C-alpha atoms as a PDB file:
ATOM      1  CA  MET A   1    -163.631  10.934 184.583  1.00  0.00           C
ATOM      2  CA  ARG A   2    -167.188  11.567 183.515  1.00  0.00           C
ATOM      3  CA  HIS A   3    -170.150  10.694 185.670  1.00  0.00           C
ATOM      4  CA  PRO A   4    -172.288   7.968 184.018  1.00  0.00           C
ATOM      5  CA  ALA A   5    -175.324  10.279 183.995  1.00  0.00           C
ATOM      6  CA  SER A   6    -173.379  12.790 181.894  1.00  0.00           C
ATOM      7  CA  TYR A   7    -173.656  10.419 178.925  1.00  0.00           C
ATOM      8  CA  ALA A   8    -177.455  10.658 178.893  1.00  0.00           C
ATOM      9  CA  ASN A   9    -177.617  13.687 176.576  1.00  0.00           C
ATOM     10  CA  ALA A  10    -174.493  12.911 174.554  1.00  0.00           C
ATOM     11  CA  ALA A  11    -174.753  12.247 170.825  1.00  0.00           C
ATOM     12  CA  LYS A  12    -175.488   8.599 170.087  1.00  0.00           C
ATOM     13  CA  LYS A  13    -173.721   6.384 167.585  1.00  0.00           C
ATOM     14  CA  ALA A  14    -175.248   3.187 166.238  1.00  0.00           C
ATOM     15  CA  THR A  15    -173.242   0.055 166.942  1.00  0.00           C
ATOM     16  CA  ASN A  16    -173.662  -3.687 166.702  1.00  0.00           C
ATOM     17  CA  VAL A  17    -173.770  -5.668 169.912  1.00  0.00           C
ATOM     18  CA  SER A  18    -174.135  -9.425 170.173  1.00  0.00           C
ATOM     19  CA  LEU A  19    -176.269 -10.697 173.032  1.00  0.00           C
ATOM     20  CA  ALA A  20    -177.353 -14.154 174.054  1.00  0.00           C
ATOM     21  CA  GLU A  21    -180.741 -14.843 172.430  1.00  0.00           C
ATOM     22  CA  PRO A  22    -182.492 -15.921 175.650  1.00  0.00           C
ATOM     23  CA  LEU A  23    -181.252 -12.802 177.437  1.00  0.00           C
ATOM     24  CA  LEU A  24    -182.472 -10.545 174.633  1.00  0.00           C
ATOM     25  CA  ALA A  25    -185.846 -12.320 174.550  1.00  0.00           C
ATOM     26  CA  GLU A  26    -186.269 -11.929 178.306  1.00  0.00           C
ATOM     27  CA  ALA A  27    -185.290  -8.260 178.148  1.00  0.00           C
ATOM     28  CA  LYS A  28    -187.880  -7.651 175.434  1.00  0.00           C
ATOM     29  CA  GLU A  29    -190.496  -9.582 177.403  1.00  0.00           C
ATOM     30  CA  LEU A  30    -189.775  -7.379 180.417  1.00  0.00           C
ATOM     31  CA  ARG A  31    -189.874  -4.274 178.201  1.00  0.00           C
ATOM     32  CA  ILE A  32    -186.298  -3.312 179.054  1.00  0.00           C
ATOM     33  CA  ASN A  33    -184.774  -0.737 176.741  1.00  0.00           C
ATOM     34  CA  VAL A  34    -181.751  -2.747 175.621  1.00  0.00           C
ATOM     35  CA  SER A  35    -179.873   0.297 174.308  1.00  0.00           C
ATOM     36  CA  GLN A  36    -180.228   2.146 177.610  1.00  0.00           C
ATOM     37  CA  ALA A  37    -179.330  -0.959 179.612  1.00  0.00           C
ATOM     38  CA  ALA A  38    -176.267  -1.596 177.442  1.00  0.00           C
ATOM     39  CA  GLU A  39    -175.167   2.029 177.723  1.00  0.00           C
ATOM     40  CA  ALA A  40    -175.550   1.923 181.508  1.00  0.00           C
ATOM     41  CA  GLY A  41    -173.544  -1.301 181.670  1.00  0.00           C
ATOM     42  CA  VAL A  42    -170.752   0.072 179.491  1.00  0.00           C
ATOM     43  CA  ALA A  43    -170.662   3.299 181.514  1.00  0.00           C
ATOM     44  CA  GLN A  44    -170.346   1.251 184.699  1.00  0.00           C
ATOM     45  CA  ALA A  45    -167.558  -0.865 183.175  1.00  0.00           C
ATOM     46  CA  VAL A  46    -165.722   2.292 182.041  1.00  0.00           C
ATOM     47  CA  ALA A  47    -165.996   3.803 185.528  1.00  0.00           C
ATOM     48  CA  ALA A  48    -164.720   0.598 187.154  1.00  0.00           C
ATOM     49  CA  LYS A  49    -161.768   0.385 184.751  1.00  0.00           C
ATOM     50  CA  ARG A  50    -160.898   4.069 185.295  1.00  0.00           C
ATOM     51  CA  ALA A  51    -160.967   3.530 189.067  1.00  0.00           C
ATOM     52  CA  GLU A  52    -158.727   0.469 188.694  1.00  0.00           C
ATOM     53  CA  GLN A  53    -156.279   2.473 186.566  1.00  0.00           C
ATOM     54  CA  TRP A  54    -156.288   5.337 189.084  1.00  0.00           C
ATOM     55  CA  VAL A  55    -155.404   2.964 191.920  1.00  0.00           C
ATOM     56  CA  ALA A  56    -152.599   1.450 189.849  1.00  0.00           C
ATOM     57  CA  GLU A  57    -151.258   4.876 188.838  1.00  0.00           C
ATOM     58  CA  ASN A  58    -151.250   6.043 192.458  1.00  0.00           C
ATOM     59  CA  ALA A  59    -149.937   2.850 194.053  1.00  0.00           C
ATOM     60  CA  LYS A  60    -146.549   4.440 194.773  1.00  0.00           C
ATOM     61  CA  ALA A  61    -148.205   7.324 196.632  1.00  0.00           C
ATOM     62  CA  PHE A  62    -150.270   4.863 198.680  1.00  0.00           C
ATOM     63  CA  ASP A  63    -147.146   2.875 199.525  1.00  0.00           C
ATOM     64  CA  CYS A  64    -145.262   6.028 200.545  1.00  0.00           C
ATOM     65  CA  TRP A  65    -148.127   7.220 202.732  1.00  0.00           C
ATOM     66  CA  ASN A  66    -148.501   3.824 204.374  1.00  0.00           C
ATOM     67  CA  ALA A  67    -144.761   3.717 205.070  1.00  0.00           C
ATOM     68  CA  TYR A  68    -144.923   7.217 206.580  1.00  0.00           C
ATOM     69  CA  VAL A  69    -147.836   6.270 208.836  1.00  0.00           C
ATOM     70  CA  GLU A  70    -146.117   3.052 209.870  1.00  0.00           C
ATOM     71  CA  LYS A  71    -142.980   4.984 210.796  1.00  0.00           C
ATOM     72  CA  ASN A  72    -144.538   8.143 212.286  1.00  0.00           C
ATOM     73  CA  GLY A  73    -148.117   7.257 213.120  1.00  0.00           C
ATOM     74  CA  LEU A  74    -151.147   9.172 211.970  1.00  0.00           C
ATOM     75  CA  PRO A  75    -150.853  12.947 211.859  1.00  0.00           C
ATOM     76  CA  LEU A  76    -153.120  14.545 214.444  1.00  0.00           C
ATOM     77  CA  ALA A  77    -153.672  11.146 216.089  1.00  0.00           C
ATOM     78  CA  LYS A  78    -153.427  12.784 219.518  1.00  0.00           C
ATOM     79  CA  TYR A  79    -156.668  14.633 218.739  1.00  0.00           C
ATOM     80  CA  ARG A  80    -158.677  11.483 217.989  1.00  0.00           C
ATOM     81  CA  SER A  81    -161.463  10.804 220.443  1.00  0.00           C
ATOM     82  CA  PHE A  82    -161.773   7.095 219.649  1.00  0.00           C
END
């Protein structure tokens, strides 16, 4: 998974994006770079979806670990100071 900042220097490709007119007008009024804001939003959505997929792909491992801890307790628990 790429870090969102790693897209900053990547080659750009023109694309069409539809935005609500009032939102676009407000962004222009506030001098927001719509391309940069859109890219940041898409990068965030990609990262969130990748994280969701990772959790789903590793659900069996989580279940196995939780079952182990439920049966045997936490490894090294005797060394915990809290």
